[in-house]
Protein backbone atom coordinates (compact mmCIF):
# COMPACT_ATOMS: atom_id res chain seq x y z
CA MET A 1 -22.85 -36.54 -25.16
CA ALA A 2 -24.61 -34.40 -22.55
CA GLY A 3 -23.45 -34.80 -18.97
CA PRO A 4 -22.73 -32.83 -15.82
CA LEU A 5 -20.43 -29.83 -16.02
CA LEU A 6 -18.44 -28.04 -13.33
CA LEU A 7 -17.76 -24.31 -13.35
CA ALA A 8 -14.52 -23.34 -11.62
CA ILE A 9 -13.51 -19.75 -10.87
CA ASP A 10 -9.92 -18.80 -10.04
CA GLN A 11 -9.72 -15.28 -8.63
CA GLY A 12 -6.08 -14.17 -8.75
CA THR A 13 -4.04 -11.03 -8.23
CA SER A 14 -3.79 -10.00 -11.88
CA GLY A 15 -7.19 -11.27 -12.99
CA THR A 16 -9.94 -13.84 -12.74
CA LYS A 17 -10.21 -17.00 -14.82
CA ALA A 18 -13.15 -19.35 -15.23
CA ILE A 19 -13.17 -22.81 -16.77
CA LEU A 20 -15.87 -25.33 -17.63
CA VAL A 21 -14.93 -28.96 -16.92
CA ASN A 22 -16.72 -32.14 -17.98
CA ALA A 23 -16.92 -35.53 -16.26
CA ALA A 24 -13.83 -36.73 -18.14
CA GLY A 25 -11.83 -33.91 -16.52
CA ALA A 26 -11.42 -32.03 -19.82
CA ILE A 27 -11.68 -28.24 -20.02
CA LEU A 28 -14.42 -27.33 -22.50
CA ALA A 29 -14.40 -23.54 -22.24
CA ARG A 30 -12.44 -20.70 -20.71
CA GLY A 31 -13.03 -17.09 -19.78
CA GLN A 32 -10.94 -14.42 -18.13
CA ALA A 33 -11.01 -10.82 -16.99
CA ALA A 34 -8.00 -8.69 -16.16
CA LEU A 35 -7.56 -6.79 -12.89
CA GLY A 36 -5.37 -3.91 -11.88
CA GLU A 37 -3.80 -2.84 -8.61
CA THR A 38 -2.77 0.48 -7.12
CA HIS A 39 0.27 1.52 -5.08
CA PRO A 40 -0.73 4.55 -2.99
CA GLN A 41 2.62 4.51 -1.20
CA ALA A 42 5.86 2.58 -1.40
CA GLY A 43 5.20 -0.98 -0.25
CA TRP A 44 1.41 -0.61 -0.44
CA VAL A 45 -0.61 -2.77 -2.84
CA GLU A 46 -4.39 -2.35 -3.04
CA GLN A 47 -7.25 -3.60 -5.21
CA ASP A 48 -10.86 -2.53 -5.58
CA PRO A 49 -13.15 -5.16 -3.98
CA ILE A 50 -16.04 -4.35 -6.32
CA ALA A 51 -13.73 -4.59 -9.32
CA ILE A 52 -12.75 -8.07 -8.13
CA TRP A 53 -16.42 -9.09 -7.97
CA PHE A 54 -17.10 -7.63 -11.43
CA SER A 55 -14.09 -9.51 -12.81
CA VAL A 56 -15.65 -12.76 -11.56
CA GLN A 57 -18.89 -11.93 -13.34
CA ARG A 58 -17.09 -11.08 -16.58
CA ALA A 59 -14.94 -14.22 -16.51
CA VAL A 60 -17.95 -16.47 -15.90
CA SER A 61 -19.95 -14.75 -18.65
CA ALA A 62 -17.10 -15.22 -21.13
CA CYS A 63 -16.62 -18.86 -20.12
CA LEU A 64 -20.29 -19.77 -20.47
CA ASP A 65 -20.87 -17.86 -23.70
CA GLY A 66 -22.31 -20.37 -26.16
CA GLN A 67 -22.39 -23.16 -23.55
CA ASP A 68 -25.37 -24.93 -22.00
CA ALA A 69 -25.23 -23.41 -18.51
CA THR A 70 -28.11 -25.63 -17.35
CA ARG A 71 -25.68 -28.58 -17.31
CA VAL A 72 -23.55 -26.96 -14.57
CA VAL A 73 -24.12 -28.99 -11.40
CA ALA A 74 -21.65 -27.26 -9.12
CA VAL A 75 -19.40 -24.22 -8.80
CA GLY A 76 -15.89 -24.19 -7.33
CA LEU A 77 -13.90 -21.12 -6.29
CA SER A 78 -10.15 -20.75 -5.83
CA ASN A 79 -8.71 -17.44 -4.75
CA GLN A 80 -5.66 -15.35 -3.96
CA ARG A 81 -4.79 -15.79 -0.30
CA GLU A 82 -3.84 -13.52 2.62
CA SER A 83 -5.38 -10.46 0.93
CA VAL A 84 -8.01 -8.91 3.19
CA VAL A 85 -11.01 -6.58 2.95
CA LEU A 86 -13.39 -5.21 5.60
CA TRP A 87 -17.10 -4.75 4.91
CA ASP A 88 -20.45 -3.98 6.57
CA ARG A 89 -22.37 -7.17 7.26
CA LEU A 90 -25.75 -5.34 7.10
CA THR A 91 -25.32 -3.48 3.81
CA GLY A 92 -22.63 -5.59 2.14
CA GLU A 93 -20.70 -2.40 1.42
CA ALA A 94 -16.91 -2.62 1.38
CA LEU A 95 -15.43 -0.26 3.98
CA THR A 96 -11.81 -0.59 2.86
CA PRO A 97 -9.87 -1.49 -0.25
CA VAL A 98 -8.53 -4.99 -0.61
CA VAL A 99 -5.06 -4.95 0.92
CA SER A 100 -3.06 -7.41 -1.16
CA TRP A 101 -0.97 -10.29 0.09
CA GLN A 102 1.99 -8.39 -1.41
CA ASP A 103 1.36 -5.32 0.80
CA GLN A 104 4.00 -4.49 3.42
CA ARG A 105 2.34 -1.60 5.28
CA GLY A 106 2.05 -3.69 8.44
CA ALA A 107 5.82 -4.07 8.85
CA ALA A 108 6.06 -1.40 11.56
CA LEU A 109 3.23 -3.04 13.50
CA CYS A 110 5.04 -6.38 13.34
CA ASP A 111 8.17 -4.74 14.66
CA SER A 112 6.26 -3.11 17.54
CA TRP A 113 4.97 -6.52 18.65
CA ARG A 114 8.13 -8.48 17.96
CA SER A 115 9.66 -10.30 20.93
CA PRO A 116 10.71 -13.91 21.47
CA GLU A 117 7.50 -14.58 23.43
CA ILE A 118 5.19 -13.07 20.81
CA GLU A 119 6.97 -14.79 17.94
CA ARG A 120 6.69 -18.15 19.72
CA LEU A 121 2.98 -17.53 20.33
CA VAL A 122 2.27 -16.56 16.73
CA ARG A 123 4.20 -19.41 15.14
CA GLY A 124 3.12 -21.96 17.73
CA ARG A 125 -0.60 -21.26 17.28
CA SER A 126 -0.90 -20.11 13.66
CA GLY A 127 1.95 -22.12 12.13
CA LEU A 128 3.16 -18.90 10.49
CA PRO A 129 5.94 -16.40 11.26
CA LEU A 130 5.08 -12.88 12.42
CA ASP A 131 5.17 -11.16 9.02
CA PRO A 132 3.15 -8.43 7.27
CA MET A 133 2.28 -10.84 4.44
CA PHE A 134 -0.52 -12.43 6.45
CA SER A 135 -4.09 -11.17 6.88
CA ALA A 136 -4.10 -10.42 10.62
CA VAL A 137 -1.52 -7.63 10.44
CA LYS A 138 -3.33 -6.06 7.48
CA ALA A 139 -6.63 -6.16 9.38
CA ALA A 140 -5.01 -4.61 12.45
CA TRP A 141 -3.63 -1.77 10.33
CA LEU A 142 -6.99 -1.15 8.63
CA LEU A 143 -8.81 -1.00 11.98
CA ARG A 144 -6.37 1.66 13.10
CA HIS A 145 -6.61 3.80 9.97
CA HIS A 146 -10.17 3.44 8.62
CA GLY A 147 -12.64 5.10 10.95
CA ALA A 148 -15.70 3.59 9.26
CA ALA A 149 -14.31 0.09 9.82
CA ALA A 150 -13.50 0.78 13.47
CA GLU A 151 -17.01 2.18 14.00
CA ALA A 152 -18.59 -0.86 12.34
CA ALA A 153 -16.52 -3.10 14.61
CA ARG A 154 -17.82 -1.29 17.71
CA ASP A 155 -21.40 -1.68 16.44
CA GLY A 156 -20.98 -5.39 15.67
CA ARG A 157 -21.50 -4.78 11.93
CA LEU A 158 -17.96 -5.43 10.71
CA VAL A 159 -16.78 -8.43 8.72
CA ILE A 160 -13.06 -9.04 8.22
CA GLY A 161 -12.62 -11.42 5.34
CA THR A 162 -10.29 -13.01 2.86
CA ILE A 163 -11.19 -12.96 -0.83
CA ASP A 164 -13.18 -16.20 -0.65
CA ALA A 165 -15.33 -14.80 2.16
CA TRP A 166 -15.84 -11.51 0.28
CA LEU A 167 -16.93 -13.21 -2.96
CA LEU A 168 -19.21 -15.65 -1.15
CA SER A 169 -20.85 -12.66 0.56
CA ARG A 170 -21.88 -11.42 -2.91
CA PHE A 171 -24.01 -14.55 -3.27
CA GLY A 172 -25.87 -14.34 0.02
CA ASP A 173 -28.58 -12.07 1.42
CA THR A 174 -26.68 -9.44 3.43
CA THR A 175 -29.56 -9.05 5.90
CA THR A 176 -29.87 -12.72 6.83
CA GLY A 177 -26.84 -14.47 5.37
CA GLU A 178 -23.94 -15.42 7.62
CA PRO A 179 -20.45 -14.79 6.24
CA VAL A 180 -18.27 -17.89 5.94
CA MET A 181 -14.58 -18.56 5.31
CA GLU A 182 -13.04 -21.77 4.02
CA ILE A 183 -10.67 -23.40 6.50
CA GLY A 184 -7.60 -23.47 4.21
CA ASN A 185 -7.91 -19.75 3.56
CA ALA A 186 -8.44 -19.17 7.28
CA SER A 187 -5.19 -20.98 8.01
CA ARG A 188 -3.38 -18.17 6.16
CA THR A 189 -4.87 -15.36 8.26
CA GLN A 190 -2.61 -15.85 11.31
CA LEU A 191 -5.74 -15.76 13.49
CA LEU A 192 -6.41 -19.51 13.40
CA HIS A 193 -5.13 -22.06 15.88
CA VAL A 194 -4.12 -24.19 12.95
CA ALA A 195 -3.71 -27.53 14.75
CA GLU A 196 -7.20 -27.21 16.28
CA ALA A 197 -8.83 -25.46 13.28
CA ARG A 198 -10.50 -22.72 15.35
CA TRP A 199 -10.12 -18.99 15.88
CA ASP A 200 -7.58 -18.41 18.65
CA ALA A 201 -8.45 -15.98 21.45
CA ASP A 202 -4.83 -15.02 22.17
CA LEU A 203 -4.09 -14.25 18.52
CA LEU A 204 -7.30 -12.24 18.24
CA ALA A 205 -6.27 -10.21 21.28
CA LEU A 206 -2.77 -9.61 19.92
CA PHE A 207 -4.03 -8.26 16.59
CA GLY A 208 -7.03 -6.42 18.05
CA VAL A 209 -9.63 -8.43 16.13
CA ARG A 210 -13.01 -9.32 17.62
CA GLU A 211 -14.23 -12.84 16.94
CA ASP A 212 -17.69 -11.54 16.02
CA SER A 213 -16.02 -9.71 13.11
CA LEU A 214 -14.80 -12.97 11.59
CA PRO A 215 -16.76 -15.29 9.28
CA ARG A 216 -17.83 -18.74 10.40
CA LEU A 217 -15.30 -21.42 9.52
CA VAL A 218 -16.40 -24.13 7.07
CA ARG A 219 -14.79 -27.08 5.34
CA SER A 220 -13.51 -26.86 1.77
CA THR A 221 -16.84 -28.31 0.67
CA GLY A 222 -18.94 -25.87 2.70
CA PRO A 223 -21.75 -25.40 3.32
CA PHE A 224 -21.57 -22.22 1.22
CA PRO A 225 -24.27 -19.87 -0.03
CA THR A 226 -25.54 -20.82 -3.51
CA SER A 227 -24.35 -18.76 -6.44
CA ARG A 228 -26.11 -15.59 -7.50
CA GLY A 229 -25.41 -12.89 -10.09
CA LEU A 230 -23.24 -15.03 -12.37
CA ALA A 231 -25.37 -14.91 -15.53
CA PRO A 232 -25.92 -16.92 -17.62
CA LEU A 233 -25.50 -19.40 -14.75
CA ALA A 234 -28.81 -19.94 -12.96
CA ASP A 235 -29.07 -18.37 -9.52
CA GLY A 236 -29.10 -21.09 -6.89
CA THR A 237 -26.47 -23.31 -8.52
CA PRO A 238 -24.62 -24.85 -5.56
CA VAL A 239 -21.12 -23.78 -4.62
CA LEU A 240 -19.54 -27.06 -3.50
CA ALA A 241 -15.84 -26.24 -3.18
CA VAL A 242 -13.63 -23.33 -2.13
CA MET A 243 -9.83 -23.48 -1.84
CA GLY A 244 -6.89 -21.11 -1.72
CA ASP A 245 -5.18 -21.02 -5.11
CA SER A 246 -2.00 -22.80 -4.01
CA HIS A 247 -3.98 -25.47 -2.16
CA ALA A 248 -6.13 -26.04 -5.25
CA ALA A 249 -3.01 -26.43 -7.40
CA LEU A 250 -1.69 -29.15 -5.07
CA PHE A 251 -5.06 -30.89 -5.30
CA ALA A 252 -5.08 -30.68 -9.10
CA HIS A 253 -1.69 -32.41 -9.27
CA GLY A 254 -3.28 -35.36 -7.49
CA ALA A 255 -0.72 -34.93 -4.70
CA PHE A 256 -2.94 -36.50 -2.05
CA THR A 257 -0.14 -38.36 -0.25
CA PRO A 258 2.38 -36.94 2.26
CA GLY A 259 5.75 -36.62 0.59
CA GLN A 260 4.36 -35.39 -2.73
CA VAL A 261 5.43 -31.75 -3.16
CA LYS A 262 4.47 -29.11 -5.71
CA ALA A 263 5.85 -25.68 -6.61
CA THR A 264 3.63 -23.01 -8.12
CA TYR A 265 5.61 -20.30 -9.96
CA GLY A 266 4.05 -16.87 -10.26
CA THR A 267 5.00 -13.39 -9.10
CA GLY A 268 6.25 -15.25 -6.06
CA SER A 269 6.15 -18.98 -5.51
CA SER A 270 4.44 -21.41 -3.18
CA VAL A 271 6.05 -24.76 -2.41
CA MET A 272 3.66 -27.11 -0.63
CA GLY A 273 3.26 -30.75 0.36
CA LEU A 274 0.98 -32.69 2.70
CA LEU A 275 2.29 -33.79 6.09
CA ALA A 276 1.70 -37.09 7.86
CA HIS A 277 2.85 -35.66 11.21
CA PRO A 278 2.20 -31.89 11.34
CA GLU A 279 3.32 -31.61 14.96
CA ALA A 280 6.88 -32.44 13.88
CA LEU A 281 7.23 -29.62 11.33
CA GLY A 282 10.53 -27.82 11.80
CA SER A 283 11.41 -24.18 11.25
CA GLY A 284 11.63 -22.58 7.82
CA ALA A 285 8.35 -23.94 6.45
CA CYS A 286 4.87 -22.91 7.57
CA LEU A 287 2.13 -25.21 8.82
CA THR A 288 -1.09 -24.72 6.89
CA ILE A 289 -4.30 -26.57 6.11
CA GLY A 290 -4.33 -27.80 2.54
CA TRP A 291 -8.04 -28.61 2.53
CA GLN A 292 -10.73 -30.30 4.55
CA TYR A 293 -13.01 -32.74 2.76
CA GLY A 294 -14.14 -34.93 5.64
CA ASP A 295 -13.92 -34.61 9.40
CA ARG A 296 -10.18 -33.95 9.61
CA PRO A 297 -8.13 -31.26 7.87
CA ALA A 298 -5.30 -32.29 5.56
CA PHE A 299 -2.26 -30.49 6.98
CA ALA A 300 0.53 -29.27 4.75
CA ALA A 301 3.96 -27.70 4.94
CA GLU A 302 4.40 -24.61 2.81
CA GLY A 303 7.10 -22.12 2.01
CA ASN A 304 6.28 -18.81 0.33
CA ILE A 305 8.90 -17.10 -1.83
CA ARG A 306 8.36 -13.42 -2.47
CA ALA A 307 10.09 -12.90 -5.82
CA THR A 308 10.48 -15.55 -8.52
CA GLY A 309 8.52 -14.41 -11.58
CA ALA A 310 8.98 -10.88 -10.21
CA ALA A 311 12.77 -11.40 -10.30
CA LEU A 312 12.58 -12.49 -13.95
CA ARG A 313 10.48 -9.46 -14.89
CA TRP A 314 12.77 -7.13 -12.96
CA MET A 315 15.88 -8.38 -14.70
CA ALA A 316 14.17 -8.32 -18.11
CA ASN A 317 13.29 -4.66 -17.53
CA ILE A 318 16.87 -3.89 -16.49
CA LEU A 319 18.14 -5.53 -19.67
CA GLY A 320 15.50 -3.86 -21.84
CA MET A 321 14.01 -7.05 -23.27
CA SER A 322 10.99 -9.30 -22.83
CA VAL A 323 10.99 -12.01 -20.16
CA ASP A 324 10.93 -14.67 -22.90
CA ALA A 325 13.92 -13.15 -24.68
CA MET A 326 15.82 -12.83 -21.42
CA ALA A 327 15.09 -16.46 -20.50
CA GLU A 328 16.25 -17.63 -23.91
CA LEU A 329 19.48 -15.66 -23.48
CA GLY A 330 20.03 -17.02 -19.98
CA ALA A 331 19.31 -20.62 -20.99
CA ARG A 332 22.22 -20.68 -23.45
CA SER A 333 24.65 -18.84 -21.18
CA GLU A 334 26.64 -19.30 -17.98
CA SER A 335 26.50 -16.91 -15.06
CA ARG A 336 30.31 -16.97 -14.58
CA GLY A 337 29.74 -16.74 -10.85
CA ALA A 338 27.29 -13.78 -10.90
CA VAL A 339 24.43 -14.20 -8.40
CA LEU A 340 21.16 -12.31 -8.05
CA VAL A 341 19.48 -12.49 -4.63
CA PRO A 342 16.04 -10.89 -5.22
CA GLY A 343 15.48 -9.63 -1.70
CA PHE A 344 13.43 -6.67 -2.94
CA THR A 345 11.23 -6.73 0.18
CA GLY A 346 13.43 -9.01 2.24
CA LEU A 347 13.38 -12.79 1.90
CA GLY A 348 10.47 -15.13 2.53
CA ALA A 349 10.74 -18.84 3.25
CA PRO A 350 12.79 -20.47 4.56
CA TRP A 351 14.58 -17.39 5.94
CA TRP A 352 11.70 -15.00 6.75
CA ASP A 353 14.21 -12.18 6.94
CA ARG A 354 12.63 -8.80 6.22
CA ASP A 355 16.00 -7.09 6.70
CA ALA A 356 17.70 -9.06 3.93
CA VAL A 357 18.68 -6.92 0.96
CA GLY A 358 18.54 -7.53 -2.75
CA LEU A 359 21.93 -7.76 -4.39
CA ILE A 360 23.88 -8.77 -7.45
CA THR A 361 27.26 -10.09 -6.48
CA ASN A 362 30.39 -11.56 -8.03
CA VAL A 363 30.24 -9.38 -11.12
CA GLY A 364 33.35 -8.65 -13.14
CA LEU A 365 34.41 -7.09 -16.41
CA ASP A 366 33.23 -10.24 -18.16
CA THR A 367 29.70 -9.95 -16.70
CA GLY A 368 27.22 -8.92 -19.36
CA PRO A 369 23.52 -9.26 -20.16
CA ALA A 370 23.82 -13.01 -20.76
CA GLN A 371 25.36 -13.61 -17.33
CA LEU A 372 22.76 -11.44 -15.59
CA ALA A 373 19.95 -13.23 -17.41
CA ARG A 374 21.35 -16.56 -16.28
CA ALA A 375 21.70 -15.29 -12.70
CA ALA A 376 18.01 -14.29 -12.66
CA MET A 377 16.95 -17.77 -13.75
CA GLU A 378 19.24 -19.37 -11.19
CA ALA A 379 17.74 -17.15 -8.48
CA VAL A 380 14.34 -18.69 -9.17
CA VAL A 381 15.43 -22.32 -9.02
CA HIS A 382 17.69 -21.91 -5.98
CA GLN A 383 14.96 -20.19 -3.96
CA VAL A 384 12.57 -23.04 -4.73
CA ALA A 385 15.29 -25.56 -3.88
CA ASP A 386 15.81 -23.88 -0.48
CA VAL A 387 12.17 -24.49 0.42
CA VAL A 388 12.01 -28.00 -1.06
CA ASP A 389 15.04 -28.93 1.06
CA VAL A 390 13.28 -27.70 4.23
CA ILE A 391 10.05 -29.54 3.42
CA GLY A 392 12.07 -32.62 2.52
CA SER A 393 13.59 -32.61 5.99
CA ASN A 394 10.06 -33.22 7.31
CA VAL A 395 8.62 -35.60 4.70
CA GLY A 396 11.78 -37.38 3.56
CA ARG A 397 13.93 -36.58 0.55
CA VAL A 398 11.82 -35.18 -2.28
CA THR A 399 12.48 -37.26 -5.39
CA GLU A 400 9.68 -35.78 -7.54
CA LEU A 401 8.44 -32.20 -7.74
CA PHE A 402 5.16 -31.24 -9.42
CA THR A 403 5.33 -27.77 -10.97
CA ASP A 404 2.84 -25.29 -12.41
CA GLY A 405 2.35 -21.58 -13.03
CA GLY A 406 3.44 -19.20 -15.76
CA PRO A 407 7.24 -19.42 -15.42
CA SER A 408 7.02 -23.23 -15.35
CA ARG A 409 6.09 -23.09 -19.05
CA ASN A 410 9.77 -22.48 -19.74
CA LEU A 411 11.30 -25.93 -20.08
CA ASP A 412 14.83 -24.58 -19.77
CA LEU A 413 13.94 -23.14 -16.36
CA MET A 414 12.37 -26.44 -15.33
CA GLN A 415 15.47 -28.36 -16.46
CA MET A 416 17.56 -26.03 -14.31
CA GLN A 417 15.18 -26.78 -11.42
CA ALA A 418 15.62 -30.53 -11.90
CA ASP A 419 19.42 -30.12 -12.00
CA VAL A 420 19.62 -27.95 -8.88
CA LEU A 421 17.33 -30.24 -6.87
CA GLY A 422 18.58 -33.54 -8.26
CA CYS A 423 15.00 -34.76 -8.61
CA THR A 424 12.48 -35.43 -11.36
CA ILE A 425 10.21 -32.55 -12.37
CA HIS A 426 6.63 -33.16 -13.53
CA ARG A 427 5.58 -29.91 -15.21
CA SER A 428 1.80 -29.68 -15.60
CA GLU A 429 0.51 -28.99 -19.10
CA ALA A 430 -2.62 -27.33 -17.67
CA ALA A 431 -2.45 -23.54 -17.60
CA GLU A 432 -5.38 -23.21 -15.17
CA LEU A 433 -4.28 -25.60 -12.45
CA SER A 434 -5.83 -23.78 -9.47
CA ALA A 435 -9.19 -23.63 -11.23
CA LEU A 436 -8.86 -27.28 -12.24
CA GLY A 437 -8.10 -28.31 -8.66
CA VAL A 438 -11.19 -26.65 -7.24
CA ALA A 439 -13.23 -28.15 -10.09
CA HIS A 440 -11.97 -31.56 -8.96
CA MET A 441 -13.01 -30.85 -5.37
CA ALA A 442 -16.45 -29.62 -6.48
CA GLY A 443 -16.90 -32.68 -8.68
CA LEU A 444 -15.97 -34.92 -5.79
CA ALA A 445 -18.53 -33.20 -3.56
CA ALA A 446 -21.19 -33.35 -6.29
CA GLY A 447 -20.68 -37.08 -6.84
CA VAL A 448 -19.32 -36.62 -10.36
CA TRP A 449 -16.25 -38.58 -9.25
CA SER A 450 -15.27 -40.93 -6.46
CA TRP A 451 -11.81 -40.59 -4.92
CA GLU A 452 -10.67 -43.51 -7.09
CA ALA A 453 -12.05 -41.98 -10.27
CA LEU A 454 -10.60 -38.59 -9.39
CA SER A 455 -7.15 -40.10 -8.82
CA ALA A 456 -7.36 -41.84 -12.19
CA LEU A 457 -8.14 -38.68 -14.20
CA PRO A 458 -5.50 -37.86 -16.84
CA ARG A 459 -3.05 -35.17 -15.72
CA PRO A 460 -0.85 -34.41 -18.75
CA HIS A 461 2.64 -33.29 -17.83
CA ALA A 462 6.18 -33.00 -19.15
CA THR A 463 8.81 -34.96 -17.21
CA LEU A 464 12.38 -33.74 -16.85
CA ALA A 465 15.16 -35.72 -15.19
CA PRO A 466 18.25 -34.12 -13.61
CA HIS A 467 21.46 -34.09 -15.65
CA LEU A 468 23.87 -32.41 -13.23
CA ASP A 469 26.31 -34.53 -11.22
CA ASP A 470 26.24 -34.40 -7.42
CA ILE A 471 29.54 -32.51 -7.02
CA SER A 472 28.53 -29.73 -9.44
CA ARG A 473 25.15 -29.51 -7.77
CA ALA A 474 26.69 -29.18 -4.32
CA ASN A 475 29.07 -26.47 -5.57
CA GLN A 476 26.20 -24.48 -7.07
CA ARG A 477 24.14 -24.76 -3.88
CA ALA A 478 27.09 -23.66 -1.72
CA HIS A 479 27.72 -20.70 -4.01
CA TRP A 480 24.07 -19.65 -3.73
CA GLN A 481 24.09 -20.06 0.05
CA ALA A 482 27.15 -17.82 0.35
CA ALA A 483 25.28 -15.09 -1.55
CA ILE A 484 22.21 -15.54 0.68
CA ASP A 485 24.42 -15.14 3.76
CA ARG A 486 25.79 -11.94 2.29
CA ALA A 487 22.31 -10.56 1.54
CA ARG A 488 21.20 -11.31 5.08
CA SER A 489 24.21 -10.10 7.00
CA GLY A 490 25.91 -7.44 4.89
CA ILE A 491 29.15 -9.45 4.73
CA THR A 492 31.45 -7.83 2.21
CA ARG A 493 34.00 -10.55 1.64
CA PRO A 494 33.99 -12.04 -1.90
CA VAL A 495 31.64 -14.95 -2.54
CA PRO A 496 33.61 -17.95 -3.86
CA VAL A 497 32.92 -18.91 -7.47
CA PRO A 498 31.71 -22.50 -7.87
CA GLU A 499 33.88 -25.07 -9.55
CA PRO A 500 33.11 -25.49 -13.26
CA ALA A 501 30.92 -28.44 -14.14
């Protein structure tokens, strides 16, 4: 039966996906296009902004091939966050590469600004720690090192944007269109006074960013420019939802209530849950805006982990096997006390310690590939548990965790997560959760669903209950914490081996 369709685009670090969703919430078609990245120097990660735009076009074309594109009533866009690009508002030409969220080139700038007063200002206003992961430091570095961008800023022609703002600029008329940025993405720039949802003059001054270089802030439902250049989709199809990828995943889980927490596993991981009282958020987690549908933003606590899937890939390469083979080996083995702390570029949440080192500790003559494989899997689940514990201290004990992302497909890993946390895991069966979440938001804005109907949509998932007893769990967590302390402080004393289960 014919009915309205929703086109959702998920622009990610390694590629772009597009899905077509019907009014029953089912995915009818999929398309994708791969993307690469370059590493001009150690710690630098760049992407081509035009290649990102072309990947969106290719993914949409593949998704709509053989479909009736005239039935699409709305477009939604989810995107990688914190990555930044600078362009000319008059010509639309990109003046810099996209500097990825993974990029660490701004570390020296952070150190030059670092003081107790500055760190209090940055966290107090933006909800985020002073760290090169976020957009503001990347923009400050680009303004110092790209003459064309600095000149455009002086002439009032510069736009500093996140990926959502860049892609939306491809839809509009560059001579008359005004650049816009969705509020949840803006909350990850470190330039937003997050509690008041406005650009902050003191943060702009700190990072050397002019407010007239920033897009206008809009809600997660816009208004946005209408789509253009996404054949076979008709030009002028409304864009009714934009969300950061992690925010969209939370929305897709139906986690609309404070206390419901999700973990997205990818290269790194994002752990996020809505907050009833954002002013009471403690240290360790970041304050962010999940989305804004009506007049008030939905605030969330989030912790970002730098290396989860990356830790699995790293160990698989060390062992000379595929990630799947390594995970299978680790699932049927014990670590015998070996611990991997994947502090390859320091540690993210809840520690935010750039000086922490990566290490493998407690190895002995009986440590072999099986033990190292197990240690890599345990590193993933313990890092997520660290952040869940911090968020739980603000929302109450987390008894259920919604999970998604590539590594979550491994049920052995998810069972380990349930055991380490002592809570039930609901692992989403949807592989395109960020795209599905922004499709839900677009459908809500288009009137395809009410809030009640949206909440009632089927969300297939696998449920795993914890099997580990409390004493064994506490021993494992203490063992992990001892290794974290060692990675952060350089302590050389032996890390105690946990008691056997």
